[in-house]
C-alpha atoms as a PDB file:
ATOM      1  CA  MET A   1      98.246  68.365 101.143  1.00  0.00           C
ATOM      2  CA  ASP A   2     100.364  71.209  99.779  1.00  0.00           C
ATOM      3  CA  ILE A   3      98.928  74.700  99.615  1.00  0.00           C
ATOM      4  CA  VAL A   4     100.254  76.981  96.918  1.00  0.00           C
ATOM      5  CA  CYS A   5     100.866  80.433  98.296  1.00  0.00           C
ATOM      6  CA  GLY A   6     101.634  82.802  95.466  1.00  0.00           C
ATOM      7  CA  ARG A   7     104.419  80.990  93.621  1.00  0.00           C
ATOM      8  CA  ARG A   8     105.697  79.087  96.614  1.00  0.00           C
ATOM      9  CA  ALA A   9     104.509  75.625  97.514  1.00  0.00           C
ATOM     10  CA  GLY A  10     105.272  73.638 100.593  1.00  0.00           C
ATOM     11  CA  TYR A  11     102.892  75.081 103.113  1.00  0.00           C
ATOM     12  CA  ARG A  12     101.350  71.996 104.684  1.00  0.00           C
ATOM     13  CA  ALA A  13      97.757  71.686 105.875  1.00  0.00           C
ATOM     14  CA  ASP A  14      96.623  69.315 108.586  1.00  0.00           C
ATOM     15  CA  ARG A  15      93.786  66.802 108.245  1.00  0.00           C
ATOM     16  CA  VAL A  16      90.948  69.133 109.191  1.00  0.00           C
ATOM     17  CA  GLY A  17      91.960  71.682 106.592  1.00  0.00           C
ATOM     18  CA  PHE A  18      93.592  74.346 108.733  1.00  0.00           C
ATOM     19  CA  GLN A  19      96.784  75.789 107.410  1.00  0.00           C
ATOM     20  CA  THR A  20      99.730  75.283 109.715  1.00  0.00           C
ATOM     21  CA  ARG A  21     101.748  78.316 108.552  1.00  0.00           C
ATOM     22  CA  GLN A  22     100.546  81.696 107.357  1.00  0.00           C
ATOM     23  CA  CYS A  23     101.081  82.650 103.730  1.00  0.00           C
ATOM     24  CA  PRO A  24     103.368  85.677 103.549  1.00  0.00           C
ATOM     25  CA  ALA A  25     101.691  88.875 102.410  1.00  0.00           C
ATOM     26  CA  ARG A  26     102.764  89.766  98.889  1.00  0.00           C
ATOM     27  CA  TYR A  27     101.045  93.126  98.505  1.00  0.00           C
ATOM     28  CA  PRO A  28     100.398  95.874 101.044  1.00  0.00           C
ATOM     29  CA  ALA A  29      96.836  96.161 102.290  1.00  0.00           C
ATOM     30  CA  LEU A  30      96.764  99.950 102.062  1.00  0.00           C
ATOM     31  CA  ALA A  31      97.051 100.454  98.339  1.00  0.00           C
ATOM     32  CA  PRO A  32      95.752 103.993  97.738  1.00  0.00           C
ATOM     33  CA  THR A  33      94.579 103.253  94.206  1.00  0.00           C
ATOM     34  CA  PHE A  34      91.402 105.331  94.228  1.00  0.00           C
ATOM     35  CA  ALA A  35      93.059 108.139  96.155  1.00  0.00           C
ATOM     36  CA  VAL A  36      95.781 108.401  93.528  1.00  0.00           C
ATOM     37  CA  ILE A  37      93.224 108.405  90.710  1.00  0.00           C
ATOM     38  CA  ALA A  38      91.159 111.111  92.411  1.00  0.00           C
ATOM     39  CA  LEU A  39      94.206 113.273  93.111  1.00  0.00           C
ATOM     40  CA  LEU A  40      95.432 112.933  89.525  1.00  0.00           C
ATOM     41  CA  ALA A  41      92.003 113.898  88.203  1.00  0.00           C
ATOM     42  CA  VAL A  42      91.747 116.938  90.463  1.00  0.00           C
ATOM     43  CA  GLY A  43      95.399 117.919  90.021  1.00  0.00           C
ATOM     44  CA  SER A  44      95.154 117.872  86.243  1.00  0.00           C
ATOM     45  CA  LYS A  45      92.709 120.788  86.437  1.00  0.00           C
ATOM     46  CA  GLY A  46      95.352 122.965  88.121  1.00  0.00           C
ATOM     47  CA  ASN A  47      93.158 123.881  91.098  1.00  0.00           C
ATOM     48  CA  VAL A  48      95.299 123.934  94.250  1.00  0.00           C
ATOM     49  CA  ALA A  49      92.344 124.392  96.596  1.00  0.00           C
ATOM     50  CA  GLY A  50      90.499 121.487  95.004  1.00  0.00           C
ATOM     51  CA  PHE A  51      93.599 119.312  95.307  1.00  0.00           C
ATOM     52  CA  ARG A  52      93.936 120.137  98.998  1.00  0.00           C
ATOM     53  CA  GLU A  53      90.248 119.418  99.547  1.00  0.00           C
ATOM     54  CA  ALA A  54      90.644 116.022  97.852  1.00  0.00           C
ATOM     55  CA  CYS A  55      93.631 115.286 100.118  1.00  0.00           C
ATOM     56  CA  LEU A  56      91.542 116.064 103.204  1.00  0.00           C
ATOM     57  CA  ALA A  57      88.681 113.898 101.947  1.00  0.00           C
ATOM     58  CA  ASP A  58      91.088 111.000 101.388  1.00  0.00           C
ATOM     59  CA  PHE A  59      92.631 111.535 104.814  1.00  0.00           C
ATOM     60  CA  LYS A  60      89.195 111.301 106.449  1.00  0.00           C
ATOM     61  CA  THR A  61      88.744 107.746 105.148  1.00  0.00           C
ATOM     62  CA  ILE A  62      91.592 106.311 107.262  1.00  0.00           C
ATOM     63  CA  PRO A  63      89.474 105.888 110.442  1.00  0.00           C
ATOM     64  CA  ALA A  64      86.713 104.140 108.490  1.00  0.00           C
ATOM     65  CA  TYR A  65      89.235 101.753 106.921  1.00  0.00           C
ATOM     66  CA  THR A  66      90.708 101.054 110.361  1.00  0.00           C
ATOM     67  CA  ALA A  67      87.207 100.351 111.697  1.00  0.00           C
ATOM     68  CA  PHE A  68      86.643  97.920 108.810  1.00  0.00           C
ATOM     69  CA  LEU A  69      89.838  96.003 109.545  1.00  0.00           C
ATOM     70  CA  GLY A  70      89.149  95.974 113.282  1.00  0.00           C
ATOM     71  CA  ALA A  71      85.638  94.644 112.770  1.00  0.00           C
ATOM     72  CA  CYS A  72      86.871  91.905 110.442  1.00  0.00           C
ATOM     73  CA  TRP A  73      89.525  90.971 113.005  1.00  0.00           C
ATOM     74  CA  LEU A  74      86.912  90.751 115.772  1.00  0.00           C
ATOM     75  CA  PHE A  75      84.244  88.934 113.739  1.00  0.00           C
ATOM     76  CA  ILE A  76      86.462  86.196 112.280  1.00  0.00           C
ATOM     77  CA  ASP A  77      86.512  84.273 115.589  1.00  0.00           C
ATOM     78  CA  LYS A  78      82.722  84.184 115.719  1.00  0.00           C
ATOM     79  CA  VAL A  79      81.449  83.779 112.138  1.00  0.00           C
ATOM     80  CA  ASP A  80      82.469  82.585 108.667  1.00  0.00           C
ATOM     81  CA  TYR A  81      84.964  84.792 106.818  1.00  0.00           C
ATOM     82  CA  ARG A  82      82.302  85.993 104.358  1.00  0.00           C
ATOM     83  CA  LEU A  83      80.101  87.195 107.198  1.00  0.00           C
ATOM     84  CA  ALA A  84      83.139  88.763 108.856  1.00  0.00           C
ATOM     85  CA  VAL A  85      83.819  90.785 105.698  1.00  0.00           C
ATOM     86  CA  LEU A  86      80.134  91.773 105.412  1.00  0.00           C
ATOM     87  CA  GLY A  87      80.160  92.852 109.049  1.00  0.00           C
ATOM     88  CA  GLY A  88      83.321  94.841 108.395  1.00  0.00           C
ATOM     89  CA  ILE A  89      81.665  96.553 105.422  1.00  0.00           C
ATOM     90  CA  ALA A  90      78.671  97.447 107.610  1.00  0.00           C
ATOM     91  CA  VAL A  91      80.974  98.935 110.251  1.00  0.00           C
ATOM     92  CA  TRP A  92      82.914 100.781 107.541  1.00  0.00           C
ATOM     93  CA  LEU A  93      79.668 102.239 106.162  1.00  0.00           C
ATOM     94  CA  VAL A  94      78.560 103.491 109.583  1.00  0.00           C
ATOM     95  CA  ALA A  95      82.002 104.988 110.244  1.00  0.00           C
ATOM     96  CA  ALA A  96      82.170 106.641 106.809  1.00  0.00           C
ATOM     97  CA  LEU A  97      78.697 108.126 107.191  1.00  0.00           C
ATOM     98  CA  ALA A  98      79.577 109.395 110.649  1.00  0.00           C
ATOM     99  CA  ILE A  99      82.782 111.006 109.385  1.00  0.00           C
ATOM    100  CA  PHE A 100      81.249 112.730 106.375  1.00  0.00           C
ATOM    101  CA  LEU A 101      77.739 113.540 107.636  1.00  0.00           C
ATOM    102  CA  ALA A 102      78.473 114.507 111.242  1.00  0.00           C
ATOM    103  CA  PRO A 103      79.879 117.969 110.361  1.00  0.00           C
ATOM    104  CA  ARG A 104      76.570 118.854 108.695  1.00  0.00           C
ATOM    105  CA  TYR A 105      74.560 118.188 111.830  1.00  0.00           C
ATOM    106  CA  LEU A 106      76.965 119.499 114.466  1.00  0.00           C
END
């Protein structure tokens, strides 16, 4: 059975349904779409301090995103991919709350 990967075909799957070769990544995983939108919105007001604060807030999300990817990577061996993503979201939520709420209580 051929698996279409983007526009390329020819990736073969074996009888139990596992893909024998990885599909090449077409788009980078770290697309800062929402960060760009937030920075454009804040920057359009002409407030330099607000822009810098938005940059710091965006920078703080990198550890939470890394925790999400790490959790997904660890969970995929143990559970279905949907549960792995849900587990990653749960880990991301805990990490994000810790990053943004910890300074209030310390």
